[in-house]
Amino acid sequence: MSDQQLTNTKQWLRERRSQRIELTVPVVVHRPQKGGSQFYERTQTLVVNAHGALMVLAEKVAPKQRLLMQNIGGEQKECRVVYVEKELAGPTKVAVEFTRPAPSFWRIAYPPADWTAST
């Protein structure tokens, strides 16, 4: 890796609000019943952080759309879609951001140090 690539990577990591962790967490995602079709989907995360997650959804969603996410403990948080990556074949990857940071939502015993500083 070149020095420039290392510098770009370090800059990118500094700009992150909280460290990402590759973690499979079962969740239920649904759309609030505010004018529009409602959906309810069981899925799992691919990556999590104190500010949101990346997951796979079968349901079609759009950036800025509000969703509710529930963890296996029954805790529910509002989030909004920030990124949608539709592949030619296979599932759609969806990144969501909590309306407020929620590092404890993932129930990780030893979260990264920057998760507690970001709340």
PDB file of N, CA and C in Angstrom:
ATOM      1  N   MET A   1       0.854  -1.178   0.000  1.00  0.00           N
ATOM      2  CA  MET A   1       0.000   0.000   0.000  1.00  0.00           C
ATOM      3  C   MET A   1       0.896   1.236   0.000  1.00  0.00           C
ATOM      4  N   SER A   2       0.575   2.195  -0.833  1.00  0.00           N
ATOM      5  CA  SER A   2       1.397   3.391  -0.931  1.00  0.00           C
ATOM      6  C   SER A   2       1.168   4.312   0.270  1.00  0.00           C
ATOM      7  N   ASP A   3       2.093   5.259   0.452  1.00  0.00           N
ATOM      8  CA  ASP A   3       1.953   6.228   1.543  1.00  0.00           C
ATOM      9  C   ASP A   3       0.681   7.050   1.377  1.00  0.00           C
ATOM     10  N   GLN A   4       0.350   7.389   0.120  1.00  0.00           N
ATOM     11  CA  GLN A   4      -0.856   8.183  -0.138  1.00  0.00           C
ATOM     12  C   GLN A   4      -2.109   7.403   0.251  1.00  0.00           C
ATOM     13  N   GLN A   5      -2.145   6.106  -0.066  1.00  0.00           N
ATOM     14  CA  GLN A   5      -3.300   5.284   0.302  1.00  0.00           C
ATOM     15  C   GLN A   5      -3.425   5.185   1.815  1.00  0.00           C
ATOM     16  N   LEU A   6      -2.297   5.052   2.517  1.00  0.00           N
ATOM     17  CA  LEU A   6      -2.334   5.005   3.981  1.00  0.00           C
ATOM     18  C   LEU A   6      -2.851   6.319   4.549  1.00  0.00           C
ATOM     19  N   THR A   7      -2.393   7.438   3.996  1.00  0.00           N
ATOM     20  CA  THR A   7      -2.855   8.748   4.443  1.00  0.00           C
ATOM     21  C   THR A   7      -4.352   8.894   4.214  1.00  0.00           C
ATOM     22  N   ASN A   8      -4.839   8.485   3.048  1.00  0.00           N
ATOM     23  CA  ASN A   8      -6.278   8.564   2.752  1.00  0.00           C
ATOM     24  C   ASN A   8      -7.080   7.688   3.701  1.00  0.00           C
ATOM     25  N   THR A   9      -6.574   6.503   4.013  1.00  0.00           N
ATOM     26  CA  THR A   9      -7.273   5.599   4.929  1.00  0.00           C
ATOM     27  C   THR A   9      -7.336   6.206   6.323  1.00  0.00           C
ATOM     28  N   LYS A  10      -6.234   6.768   6.798  1.00  0.00           N
ATOM     29  CA  LYS A  10      -6.220   7.392   8.127  1.00  0.00           C
ATOM     30  C   LYS A  10      -7.192   8.570   8.182  1.00  0.00           C
ATOM     31  N   GLN A  11      -7.228   9.371   7.128  1.00  0.00           N
ATOM     32  CA  GLN A  11      -8.156  10.506   7.063  1.00  0.00           C
ATOM     33  C   GLN A  11      -9.592  10.017   7.110  1.00  0.00           C
ATOM     34  N   TRP A  12      -9.904   8.977   6.356  1.00  0.00           N
ATOM     35  CA  TRP A  12     -11.249   8.406   6.311  1.00  0.00           C
ATOM     36  C   TRP A  12     -11.651   7.897   7.692  1.00  0.00           C
ATOM     37  N   LEU A  13     -10.732   7.221   8.389  1.00  0.00           N
ATOM     38  CA  LEU A  13     -11.041   6.711   9.730  1.00  0.00           C
ATOM     39  C   LEU A  13     -11.275   7.849  10.716  1.00  0.00           C
ATOM     40  N   ARG A  14     -10.536   8.943  10.606  1.00  0.00           N
ATOM     41  CA  ARG A  14     -10.739  10.098  11.497  1.00  0.00           C
ATOM     42  C   ARG A  14     -12.104  10.734  11.275  1.00  0.00           C
ATOM     43  N   GLU A  15     -12.601  10.689  10.047  1.00  0.00           N
ATOM     44  CA  GLU A  15     -13.880  11.322   9.739  1.00  0.00           C
ATOM     45  C   GLU A  15     -15.074  10.496  10.200  1.00  0.00           C
ATOM     46  N   ARG A  16     -14.895   9.232  10.496  1.00  0.00           N
ATOM     47  CA  ARG A  16     -15.969   8.375  10.993  1.00  0.00           C
ATOM     48  C   ARG A  16     -16.396   8.862  12.362  1.00  0.00           C
ATOM     49  N   ARG A  17     -17.687   8.852  12.605  1.00  0.00           N
ATOM     50  CA  ARG A  17     -18.176   9.261  13.916  1.00  0.00           C
ATOM     51  C   ARG A  17     -17.967   8.183  14.959  1.00  0.00           C
ATOM     52  N   SER A  18     -18.011   6.923  14.536  1.00  0.00           N
ATOM     53  CA  SER A  18     -17.748   5.811  15.446  1.00  0.00           C
ATOM     54  C   SER A  18     -17.281   4.606  14.639  1.00  0.00           C
ATOM     55  N   GLN A  19     -16.456   3.803  15.280  1.00  0.00           N
ATOM     56  CA  GLN A  19     -15.863   2.644  14.619  1.00  0.00           C
ATOM     57  C   GLN A  19     -16.935   1.652  14.191  1.00  0.00           C
ATOM     58  N   ARG A  20     -16.746   1.078  13.015  1.00  0.00           N
ATOM     59  CA  ARG A  20     -17.653   0.046  12.507  1.00  0.00           C
ATOM     60  C   ARG A  20     -17.150  -1.324  12.923  1.00  0.00           C
ATOM     61  N   ILE A  21     -18.108  -2.226  13.161  1.00  0.00           N
ATOM     62  CA  ILE A  21     -17.783  -3.603  13.517  1.00  0.00           C
ATOM     63  C   ILE A  21     -18.605  -4.519  12.621  1.00  0.00           C
ATOM     64  N   GLU A  22     -17.931  -5.500  11.992  1.00  0.00           N
ATOM     65  CA  GLU A  22     -18.671  -6.507  11.232  1.00  0.00           C
ATOM     66  C   GLU A  22     -19.338  -7.416  12.257  1.00  0.00           C
ATOM     67  N   LEU A  23     -20.677  -7.383  12.303  1.00  0.00           N
ATOM     68  CA  LEU A  23     -21.409  -8.131  13.317  1.00  0.00           C
ATOM     69  C   LEU A  23     -22.795  -8.484  12.792  1.00  0.00           C
ATOM     70  N   THR A  24     -23.147  -9.747  12.912  1.00  0.00           N
ATOM     71  CA  THR A  24     -24.461 -10.210  12.501  1.00  0.00           C
ATOM     72  C   THR A  24     -25.389 -10.146  13.703  1.00  0.00           C
ATOM     73  N   VAL A  25     -26.359  -9.243  13.629  1.00  0.00           N
ATOM     74  CA  VAL A  25     -27.333  -9.076  14.702  1.00  0.00           C
ATOM     75  C   VAL A  25     -28.725  -9.223  14.094  1.00  0.00           C
ATOM     76  N   PRO A  26     -29.545 -10.146  14.607  1.00  0.00           N
ATOM     77  CA  PRO A  26     -30.909 -10.245  14.080  1.00  0.00           C
ATOM     78  C   PRO A  26     -31.728  -9.024  14.499  1.00  0.00           C
ATOM     79  N   VAL A  27     -32.441  -8.445  13.549  1.00  0.00           N
ATOM     80  CA  VAL A  27     -33.291  -7.286  13.808  1.00  0.00           C
ATOM     81  C   VAL A  27     -34.590  -7.420  13.013  1.00  0.00           C
ATOM     82  N   VAL A  28     -35.568  -6.645  13.426  1.00  0.00           N
ATOM     83  CA  VAL A  28     -36.813  -6.514  12.672  1.00  0.00           C
ATOM     84  C   VAL A  28     -36.886  -5.057  12.247  1.00  0.00           C
ATOM     85  N   VAL A  29     -37.137  -4.842  10.974  1.00  0.00           N
ATOM     86  CA  VAL A  29     -37.244  -3.485  10.433  1.00  0.00           C
ATOM     87  C   VAL A  29     -38.648  -3.306   9.902  1.00  0.00           C
ATOM     88  N   HIS A  30     -39.257  -2.163  10.227  1.00  0.00           N
ATOM     89  CA  HIS A  30     -40.572  -1.877   9.666  1.00  0.00           C
ATOM     90  C   HIS A  30     -40.743  -0.391   9.453  1.00  0.00           C
ATOM     91  N   ARG A  31     -41.679  -0.080   8.592  1.00  0.00           N
ATOM     92  CA  ARG A  31     -41.972   1.299   8.247  1.00  0.00           C
ATOM     93  C   ARG A  31     -43.145   1.751   9.104  1.00  0.00           C
ATOM     94  N   PRO A  32     -43.038   2.921   9.735  1.00  0.00           N
ATOM     95  CA  PRO A  32     -44.175   3.447  10.488  1.00  0.00           C
ATOM     96  C   PRO A  32     -45.392   3.610   9.571  1.00  0.00           C
ATOM     97  N   GLN A  33     -46.545   3.499  10.122  1.00  0.00           N
ATOM     98  CA  GLN A  33     -47.774   3.520   9.332  1.00  0.00           C
ATOM     99  C   GLN A  33     -48.246   4.951   9.065  1.00  0.00           C
ATOM    100  N   LYS A  34     -47.374   5.797   8.566  1.00  0.00           N
ATOM    101  CA  LYS A  34     -47.712   7.186   8.260  1.00  0.00           C
ATOM    102  C   LYS A  34     -47.865   7.341   6.758  1.00  0.00           C
ATOM    103  N   GLY A  35     -49.049   7.208   6.245  1.00  0.00           N
ATOM    104  CA  GLY A  35     -49.304   7.398   4.825  1.00  0.00           C
ATOM    105  C   GLY A  35     -48.328   6.665   3.924  1.00  0.00           C
ATOM    106  N   GLY A  36     -48.629   5.536   3.513  1.00  0.00           N
ATOM    107  CA  GLY A  36     -47.748   4.722   2.690  1.00  0.00           C
ATOM    108  C   GLY A  36     -47.890   3.282   3.111  1.00  0.00           C
ATOM    109  N   SER A  37     -47.347   2.422   2.305  1.00  0.00           N
ATOM    110  CA  SER A  37     -47.486   1.003   2.617  1.00  0.00           C
ATOM    111  C   SER A  37     -46.567   0.639   3.779  1.00  0.00           C
ATOM    112  N   GLN A  38     -47.072  -0.214   4.617  1.00  0.00           N
ATOM    113  CA  GLN A  38     -46.309  -0.666   5.762  1.00  0.00           C
ATOM    114  C   GLN A  38     -45.627  -1.981   5.415  1.00  0.00           C
ATOM    115  N   PHE A  39     -44.437  -2.220   5.961  1.00  0.00           N
ATOM    116  CA  PHE A  39     -43.792  -3.514   5.806  1.00  0.00           C
ATOM    117  C   PHE A  39     -43.152  -3.894   7.126  1.00  0.00           C
ATOM    118  N   TYR A  40     -42.882  -5.178   7.266  1.00  0.00           N
ATOM    119  CA  TYR A  40     -42.303  -5.746   8.466  1.00  0.00           C
ATOM    120  C   TYR A  40     -41.354  -6.833   7.983  1.00  0.00           C
ATOM    121  N   GLU A  41     -40.062  -6.655   8.234  1.00  0.00           N
ATOM    122  CA  GLU A  41     -39.087  -7.614   7.694  1.00  0.00           C
ATOM    123  C   GLU A  41     -38.061  -8.013   8.745  1.00  0.00           C
ATOM    124  N   ARG A  42     -37.886  -9.315   8.883  1.00  0.00           N
ATOM    125  CA  ARG A  42     -36.816  -9.848   9.736  1.00  0.00           C
ATOM    126  C   ARG A  42     -35.563  -9.938   8.872  1.00  0.00           C
ATOM    127  N   THR A  43     -34.465  -9.425   9.409  1.00  0.00           N
ATOM    128  CA  THR A  43     -33.203  -9.452   8.678  1.00  0.00           C
ATOM    129  C   THR A  43     -32.067  -9.495   9.682  1.00  0.00           C
ATOM    130  N   GLN A  44     -30.872  -9.262   9.209  1.00  0.00           N
ATOM    131  CA  GLN A  44     -29.729  -9.191  10.104  1.00  0.00           C
ATOM    132  C   GLN A  44     -28.736  -8.171   9.580  1.00  0.00           C
ATOM    133  N   THR A  45     -27.959  -7.648  10.507  1.00  0.00           N
ATOM    134  CA  THR A  45     -26.969  -6.644  10.134  1.00  0.00           C
ATOM    135  C   THR A  45     -25.736  -7.310   9.539  1.00  0.00           C
ATOM    136  N   LEU A  46     -25.003  -6.527   8.784  1.00  0.00           N
ATOM    137  CA  LEU A  46     -23.700  -6.932   8.259  1.00  0.00           C
ATOM    138  C   LEU A  46     -22.596  -6.196   9.023  1.00  0.00           C
ATOM    139  N   VAL A  47     -22.864  -4.919   9.304  1.00  0.00           N
ATOM    140  CA  VAL A  47     -21.930  -4.031   9.991  1.00  0.00           C
ATOM    141  C   VAL A  47     -22.747  -3.141  10.922  1.00  0.00           C
ATOM    142  N   VAL A  48     -22.209  -2.867  12.118  1.00  0.00           N
ATOM    143  CA  VAL A  48     -22.889  -1.958  13.052  1.00  0.00           C
ATOM    144  C   VAL A  48     -21.901  -0.924  13.575  1.00  0.00           C
ATOM    145  N   ASN A  49     -22.438   0.192  14.059  1.00  0.00           N
ATOM    146  CA  ASN A  49     -21.654   1.171  14.813  1.00  0.00           C
ATOM    147  C   ASN A  49     -22.614   1.905  15.744  1.00  0.00           C
ATOM    148  N   ALA A  50     -22.117   2.862  16.477  1.00  0.00           N
ATOM    149  CA  ALA A  50     -22.948   3.579  17.449  1.00  0.00           C
ATOM    150  C   ALA A  50     -24.034   4.408  16.778  1.00  0.00           C
ATOM    151  N   HIS A  51     -23.879   4.678  15.482  1.00  0.00           N
ATOM    152  CA  HIS A  51     -24.790   5.561  14.765  1.00  0.00           C
ATOM    153  C   HIS A  51     -25.741   4.853  13.817  1.00  0.00           C
ATOM    154  N   GLY A  52     -25.602   3.528  13.642  1.00  0.00           N
ATOM    155  CA  GLY A  52     -26.490   2.838  12.719  1.00  0.00           C
ATOM    156  C   GLY A  52     -25.970   1.487  12.304  1.00  0.00           C
ATOM    157  N   ALA A  53     -26.337   1.083  11.066  1.00  0.00           N
ATOM    158  CA  ALA A  53     -25.970  -0.257  10.600  1.00  0.00           C
ATOM    159  C   ALA A  53     -26.064  -0.358   9.088  1.00  0.00           C
ATOM    160  N   LEU A  54     -25.430  -1.398   8.585  1.00  0.00           N
ATOM    161  CA  LEU A  54     -25.581  -1.819   7.197  1.00  0.00           C
ATOM    162  C   LEU A  54     -26.235  -3.183   7.255  1.00  0.00           C
ATOM    163  N   MET A  55     -27.290  -3.374   6.467  1.00  0.00           N
ATOM    164  CA  MET A  55     -28.019  -4.642   6.475  1.00  0.00           C
ATOM    165  C   MET A  55     -28.522  -4.944   5.079  1.00  0.00           C
ATOM    166  N   VAL A  56     -29.120  -6.097   4.945  1.00  0.00           N
ATOM    167  CA  VAL A  56     -29.707  -6.520   3.685  1.00  0.00           C
ATOM    168  C   VAL A  56     -31.219  -6.478   3.854  1.00  0.00           C
ATOM    169  N   LEU A  57     -31.921  -5.872   2.900  1.00  0.00           N
ATOM    170  CA  LEU A  57     -33.384  -5.818   2.931  1.00  0.00           C
ATOM    171  C   LEU A  57     -33.953  -6.284   1.599  1.00  0.00           C
ATOM    172  N   ALA A  58     -35.022  -7.043   1.659  1.00  0.00           N
ATOM    173  CA  ALA A  58     -35.747  -7.435   0.454  1.00  0.00           C
ATOM    174  C   ALA A  58     -36.711  -6.320   0.046  1.00  0.00           C
ATOM    175  N   GLU A  59     -37.255  -5.609   1.036  1.00  0.00           N
ATOM    176  CA  GLU A  59     -38.210  -4.531   0.794  1.00  0.00           C
ATOM    177  C   GLU A  59     -37.509  -3.348   0.140  1.00  0.00           C
ATOM    178  N   LYS A  60     -38.180  -2.715  -0.790  1.00  0.00           N
ATOM    179  CA  LYS A  60     -37.627  -1.543  -1.465  1.00  0.00           C
ATOM    180  C   LYS A  60     -37.763  -0.331  -0.540  1.00  0.00           C
ATOM    181  N   VAL A  61     -36.638   0.342  -0.303  1.00  0.00           N
ATOM    182  CA  VAL A  61     -36.622   1.561   0.502  1.00  0.00           C
ATOM    183  C   VAL A  61     -35.849   2.632  -0.252  1.00  0.00           C
ATOM    184  N   ALA A  62     -35.969   3.876   0.198  1.00  0.00           N
ATOM    185  CA  ALA A  62     -35.321   4.988  -0.484  1.00  0.00           C
ATOM    186  C   ALA A  62     -34.561   5.854   0.524  1.00  0.00           C
ATOM    187  N   PRO A  63     -33.489   6.514   0.075  1.00  0.00           N
ATOM    188  CA  PRO A  63     -32.768   7.416   0.976  1.00  0.00           C
ATOM    189  C   PRO A  63     -33.707   8.440   1.617  1.00  0.00           C
ATOM    190  N   LYS A  64     -33.415   8.759   2.867  1.00  0.00           N
ATOM    191  CA  LYS A  64     -34.162   9.699   3.717  1.00  0.00           C
ATOM    192  C   LYS A  64     -35.442   9.102   4.289  1.00  0.00           C
ATOM    193  N   GLN A  65     -35.798   7.903   3.890  1.00  0.00           N
ATOM    194  CA  GLN A  65     -37.008   7.252   4.400  1.00  0.00           C
ATOM    195  C   GLN A  65     -36.815   6.884   5.870  1.00  0.00           C
ATOM    196  N   ARG A  66     -37.843   7.106   6.678  1.00  0.00           N
ATOM    197  CA  ARG A  66     -37.810   6.767   8.108  1.00  0.00           C
ATOM    198  C   ARG A  66     -38.254   5.327   8.307  1.00  0.00           C
ATOM    199  N   LEU A  67     -37.506   4.612   9.151  1.00  0.00           N
ATOM    200  CA  LEU A  67     -37.829   3.231   9.490  1.00  0.00           C
ATOM    201  C   LEU A  67     -37.718   3.056  10.996  1.00  0.00           C
ATOM    202  N   LEU A  68     -38.275   1.977  11.501  1.00  0.00           N
ATOM    203  CA  LEU A  68     -38.095   1.597  12.892  1.00  0.00           C
ATOM    204  C   LEU A  68     -37.352   0.263  12.902  1.00  0.00           C
ATOM    205  N   MET A  69     -36.340   0.156  13.787  1.00  0.00           N
ATOM    206  CA  MET A  69     -35.570  -1.072  13.907  1.00  0.00           C
ATOM    207  C   MET A  69     -35.710  -1.585  15.328  1.00  0.00           C
ATOM    208  N   GLN A  70     -35.926  -2.887  15.445  1.00  0.00           N
ATOM    209  CA  GLN A  70     -36.092  -3.507  16.760  1.00  0.00           C
ATOM    210  C   GLN A  70     -35.054  -4.606  16.926  1.00  0.00           C
ATOM    211  N   ASN A  71     -34.389  -4.621  18.093  1.00  0.00           N
ATOM    212  CA  ASN A  71     -33.403  -5.677  18.358  1.00  0.00           C
ATOM    213  C   ASN A  71     -34.082  -6.851  19.061  1.00  0.00           C
ATOM    214  N   ILE A  72     -33.325  -7.910  19.326  1.00  0.00           N
ATOM    215  CA  ILE A  72     -33.924  -9.113  19.916  1.00  0.00           C
ATOM    216  C   ILE A  72     -34.387  -8.889  21.348  1.00  0.00           C
ATOM    217  N   GLY A  73     -33.902  -7.845  21.992  1.00  0.00           N
ATOM    218  CA  GLY A  73     -34.355  -7.508  23.341  1.00  0.00           C
ATOM    219  C   GLY A  73     -35.665  -6.741  23.346  1.00  0.00           C
ATOM    220  N   GLY A  74     -36.185  -6.401  22.159  1.00  0.00           N
ATOM    221  CA  GLY A  74     -37.438  -5.662  22.055  1.00  0.00           C
ATOM    222  C   GLY A  74     -37.274  -4.156  22.007  1.00  0.00           C
ATOM    223  N   GLU A  75     -36.034  -3.668  22.140  1.00  0.00           N
ATOM    224  CA  GLU A  75     -35.790  -2.236  22.072  1.00  0.00           C
ATOM    225  C   GLU A  75     -35.973  -1.765  20.628  1.00  0.00           C
ATOM    226  N   GLN A  76     -36.624  -0.634  20.474  1.00  0.00           N
ATOM    227  CA  GLN A  76     -36.922  -0.115  19.140  1.00  0.00           C
ATOM    228  C   GLN A  76     -36.344   1.285  18.991  1.00  0.00           C
ATOM    229  N   LYS A  77     -35.713   1.555  17.850  1.00  0.00           N
ATOM    230  CA  LYS A  77     -35.130   2.866  17.566  1.00  0.00           C
ATOM    231  C   LYS A  77     -35.556   3.334  16.182  1.00  0.00           C
ATOM    232  N   GLU A  78     -35.778   4.626  16.072  1.00  0.00           N
ATOM    233  CA  GLU A  78     -36.082   5.207  14.769  1.00  0.00           C
ATOM    234  C   GLU A  78     -34.766   5.440  14.032  1.00  0.00           C
ATOM    235  N   CYS A  79     -34.784   5.196  12.727  1.00  0.00           N
ATOM    236  CA  CYS A  79     -33.616   5.437  11.898  1.00  0.00           C
ATOM    237  C   CYS A  79     -34.072   5.930  10.535  1.00  0.00           C
ATOM    238  N   ARG A  80     -33.105   6.385   9.753  1.00  0.00           N
ATOM    239  CA  ARG A  80     -33.423   6.803   8.388  1.00  0.00           C
ATOM    240  C   ARG A  80     -32.433   6.175   7.444  1.00  0.00           C
ATOM    241  N   VAL A  81     -32.908   5.898   6.252  1.00  0.00           N
ATOM    242  CA  VAL A  81     -32.070   5.287   5.226  1.00  0.00           C
ATOM    243  C   VAL A  81     -31.098   6.347   4.709  1.00  0.00           C
ATOM    244  N   VAL A  82     -29.813   6.012   4.695  1.00  0.00           N
ATOM    245  CA  VAL A  82     -28.810   6.949   4.184  1.00  0.00           C
ATOM    246  C   VAL A  82     -28.145   6.463   2.904  1.00  0.00           C
ATOM    247  N   TYR A  83     -28.296   5.162   2.593  1.00  0.00           N
ATOM    248  CA  TYR A  83     -27.645   4.623   1.402  1.00  0.00           C
ATOM    249  C   TYR A  83     -28.336   3.335   0.991  1.00  0.00           C
ATOM    250  N   VAL A  84     -28.544   3.171  -0.314  1.00  0.00           N
ATOM    251  CA  VAL A  84     -29.128   1.944  -0.855  1.00  0.00           C
ATOM    252  C   VAL A  84     -28.247   1.476  -1.996  1.00  0.00           C
ATOM    253  N   GLU A  85     -27.792   0.224  -1.926  1.00  0.00           N
ATOM    254  CA  GLU A  85     -26.950  -0.350  -2.980  1.00  0.00           C
ATOM    255  C   GLU A  85     -27.639  -1.578  -3.544  1.00  0.00           C
ATOM    256  N   LYS A  86     -28.261  -1.412  -4.698  1.00  0.00           N
ATOM    257  CA  LYS A  86     -28.961  -2.517  -5.355  1.00  0.00           C
ATOM    258  C   LYS A  86     -28.004  -3.213  -6.303  1.00  0.00           C
ATOM    259  N   GLU A  87     -27.815  -4.493  -6.078  1.00  0.00           N
ATOM    260  CA  GLU A  87     -26.962  -5.303  -6.954  1.00  0.00           C
ATOM    261  C   GLU A  87     -27.799  -5.816  -8.121  1.00  0.00           C
ATOM    262  N   LEU A  88     -27.136  -6.174  -9.218  1.00  0.00           N
ATOM    263  CA  LEU A  88     -27.855  -6.742 -10.358  1.00  0.00           C
ATOM    264  C   LEU A  88     -28.523  -8.053  -9.968  1.00  0.00           C
ATOM    265  N   ALA A  89     -27.805  -8.834  -9.192  1.00  0.00           N
ATOM    266  CA  ALA A  89     -28.357 -10.092  -8.688  1.00  0.00           C
ATOM    267  C   ALA A  89     -28.094 -10.134  -7.186  1.00  0.00           C
ATOM    268  N   GLY A  90     -29.064 -10.575  -6.442  1.00  0.00           N
ATOM    269  CA  GLY A  90     -28.882 -10.678  -5.003  1.00  0.00           C
ATOM    270  C   GLY A  90     -29.602  -9.588  -4.245  1.00  0.00           C
ATOM    271  N   PRO A  91     -29.414  -9.587  -2.950  1.00  0.00           N
ATOM    272  CA  PRO A  91     -30.150  -8.654  -2.088  1.00  0.00           C
ATOM    273  C   PRO A  91     -29.634  -7.220  -2.156  1.00  0.00           C
ATOM    274  N   THR A  92     -30.436  -6.311  -1.667  1.00  0.00           N
ATOM    275  CA  THR A  92     -30.093  -4.897  -1.606  1.00  0.00           C
ATOM    276  C   THR A  92     -29.462  -4.585  -0.259  1.00  0.00           C
ATOM    277  N   LYS A  93     -28.318  -3.919  -0.283  1.00  0.00           N
ATOM    278  CA  LYS A  93     -27.681  -3.480   0.959  1.00  0.00           C
ATOM    279  C   LYS A  93     -28.214  -2.098   1.299  1.00  0.00           C
ATOM    280  N   VAL A  94     -28.592  -1.931   2.553  1.00  0.00           N
ATOM    281  CA  VAL A  94     -29.177  -0.672   3.013  1.00  0.00           C
ATOM    282  C   VAL A  94     -28.434  -0.199   4.257  1.00  0.00           C
ATOM    283  N   ALA A  95     -27.968   1.039   4.229  1.00  0.00           N
ATOM    284  CA  ALA A  95     -27.332   1.649   5.397  1.00  0.00           C
ATOM    285  C   ALA A  95     -28.348   2.565   6.054  1.00  0.00           C
ATOM    286  N   VAL A  96     -28.471   2.441   7.368  1.00  0.00           N
ATOM    287  CA  VAL A  96     -29.382   3.292   8.126  1.00  0.00           C
ATOM    288  C   VAL A  96     -28.617   4.013   9.228  1.00  0.00           C
ATOM    289  N   GLU A  97     -29.147   5.166   9.603  1.00  0.00           N
ATOM    290  CA  GLU A  97     -28.558   5.983  10.650  1.00  0.00           C
ATOM    291  C   GLU A  97     -29.630   6.234  11.699  1.00  0.00           C
ATOM    292  N   PHE A  98     -29.298   5.994  12.975  1.00  0.00           N
ATOM    293  CA  PHE A  98     -30.239   6.293  14.050  1.00  0.00           C
ATOM    294  C   PHE A  98     -30.481   7.794  14.123  1.00  0.00           C
ATOM    295  N   THR A  99     -31.667   8.200  14.556  1.00  0.00           N
ATOM    296  CA  THR A  99     -31.935   9.624  14.726  1.00  0.00           C
ATOM    297  C   THR A  99     -31.088  10.209  15.848  1.00  0.00           C
ATOM    298  N   ARG A 100     -30.717   9.360  16.823  1.00  0.00           N
ATOM    299  CA  ARG A 100     -29.775   9.723  17.883  1.00  0.00           C
ATOM    300  C   ARG A 100     -28.818   8.544  18.054  1.00  0.00           C
ATOM    301  N   PRO A 101     -27.533   8.796  18.335  1.00  0.00           N
ATOM    302  CA  PRO A 101     -26.616   7.672  18.537  1.00  0.00           C
ATOM    303  C   PRO A 101     -27.167   6.696  19.581  1.00  0.00           C
ATOM    304  N   ALA A 102     -26.975   5.402  19.334  1.00  0.00           N
ATOM    305  CA  ALA A 102     -27.511   4.376  20.228  1.00  0.00           C
ATOM    306  C   ALA A 102     -26.513   3.225  20.373  1.00  0.00           C
ATOM    307  N   PRO A 103     -25.350   3.477  20.993  1.00  0.00           N
ATOM    308  CA  PRO A 103     -24.339   2.431  21.092  1.00  0.00           C
ATOM    309  C   PRO A 103     -24.783   1.201  21.876  1.00  0.00           C
ATOM    310  N   SER A 104     -25.696   1.346  22.810  1.00  0.00           N
ATOM    311  CA  SER A 104     -26.131   0.192  23.607  1.00  0.00           C
ATOM    312  C   SER A 104     -27.168  -0.666  22.881  1.00  0.00           C
ATOM    313  N   PHE A 105     -27.706  -0.192  21.763  1.00  0.00           N
ATOM    314  CA  PHE A 105     -28.724  -0.922  21.011  1.00  0.00           C
ATOM    315  C   PHE A 105     -28.230  -2.299  20.571  1.00  0.00           C
ATOM    316  N   TRP A 106     -26.944  -2.416  20.276  1.00  0.00           N
ATOM    317  CA  TRP A 106     -26.374  -3.656  19.753  1.00  0.00           C
ATOM    318  C   TRP A 106     -26.012  -4.648  20.852  1.00  0.00           C
ATOM    319  N   ARG A 107     -26.083  -4.226  22.108  1.00  0.00           N
ATOM    320  CA  ARG A 107     -25.822  -5.106  23.258  1.00  0.00           C
ATOM    321  C   ARG A 107     -24.445  -5.769  23.174  1.00  0.00           C
ATOM    322  N   ILE A 108     -23.435  -4.954  22.901  1.00  0.00           N
ATOM    323  CA  ILE A 108     -22.055  -5.431  22.826  1.00  0.00           C
ATOM    324  C   ILE A 108     -21.410  -5.195  24.190  1.00  0.00           C
ATOM    325  N   ALA A 109     -20.861  -6.247  24.775  1.00  0.00           N
ATOM    326  CA  ALA A 109     -20.283  -6.155  26.118  1.00  0.00           C
ATOM    327  C   ALA A 109     -19.107  -5.175  26.178  1.00  0.00           C
ATOM    328  N   TYR A 110     -18.242  -5.204  25.174  1.00  0.00           N
ATOM    329  CA  TYR A 110     -17.072  -4.331  25.163  1.00  0.00           C
ATOM    330  C   TYR A 110     -17.028  -3.552  23.849  1.00  0.00           C
ATOM    331  N   PRO A 111     -17.860  -2.507  23.727  1.00  0.00           N
ATOM    332  CA  PRO A 111     -17.869  -1.734  22.483  1.00  0.00           C
ATOM    333  C   PRO A 111     -16.589  -0.916  22.339  1.00  0.00           C
ATOM    334  N   PRO A 112     -16.279  -0.502  21.115  1.00  0.00           N
ATOM    335  CA  PRO A 112     -15.108   0.351  20.905  1.00  0.00           C
ATOM    336  C   PRO A 112     -15.190   1.608  21.777  1.00  0.00           C
ATOM    337  N   ALA A 113     -14.033   2.128  22.171  1.00  0.00           N
ATOM    338  CA  ALA A 113     -13.963   3.284  23.063  1.00  0.00           C
ATOM    339  C   ALA A 113     -14.685   4.505  22.499  1.00  0.00           C
ATOM    340  N   ASP A 114     -14.637   4.689  21.180  1.00  0.00           N
ATOM    341  CA  ASP A 114     -15.259   5.899  20.610  1.00  0.00           C
ATOM    342  C   ASP A 114     -16.798   5.828  20.614  1.00  0.00           C
ATOM    343  N   TRP A 115     -17.369   4.685  20.902  1.00  0.00           N
ATOM    344  CA  TRP A 115     -18.842   4.594  20.964  1.00  0.00           C
ATOM    345  C   TRP A 115     -19.381   5.344  22.159  1.00  0.00           C
ATOM    346  N   THR A 116     -18.705   5.301  23.291  1.00  0.00           N
ATOM    347  CA  THR A 116     -19.201   5.999  24.482  1.00  0.00           C
ATOM    348  C   THR A 116     -18.949   7.493  24.375  1.00  0.00           C
ATOM    349  N   ALA A 117     -17.919   7.875  23.660  1.00  0.00           N
ATOM    350  CA  ALA A 117     -17.610   9.296  23.477  1.00  0.00           C
ATOM    351  C   ALA A 117     -18.575   9.942  22.487  1.00  0.00           C
ATOM    352  N   SER A 118     -19.272   9.134  21.654  1.00  0.00           N
ATOM    353  CA  SER A 118     -20.121   9.689  20.587  1.00  0.00           C
ATOM    354  C   SER A 118     -21.552   9.934  21.033  1.00  0.00           C
ATOM    355  N   THR A 119     -21.905   9.545  22.224  1.00  0.00           N
ATOM    356  CA  THR A 119     -23.301   9.708  22.664  1.00  0.00           C
ATOM    357  C   THR A 119     -23.567  11.059  23.242  1.00  0.00           C
TER     358      THR A 119
END
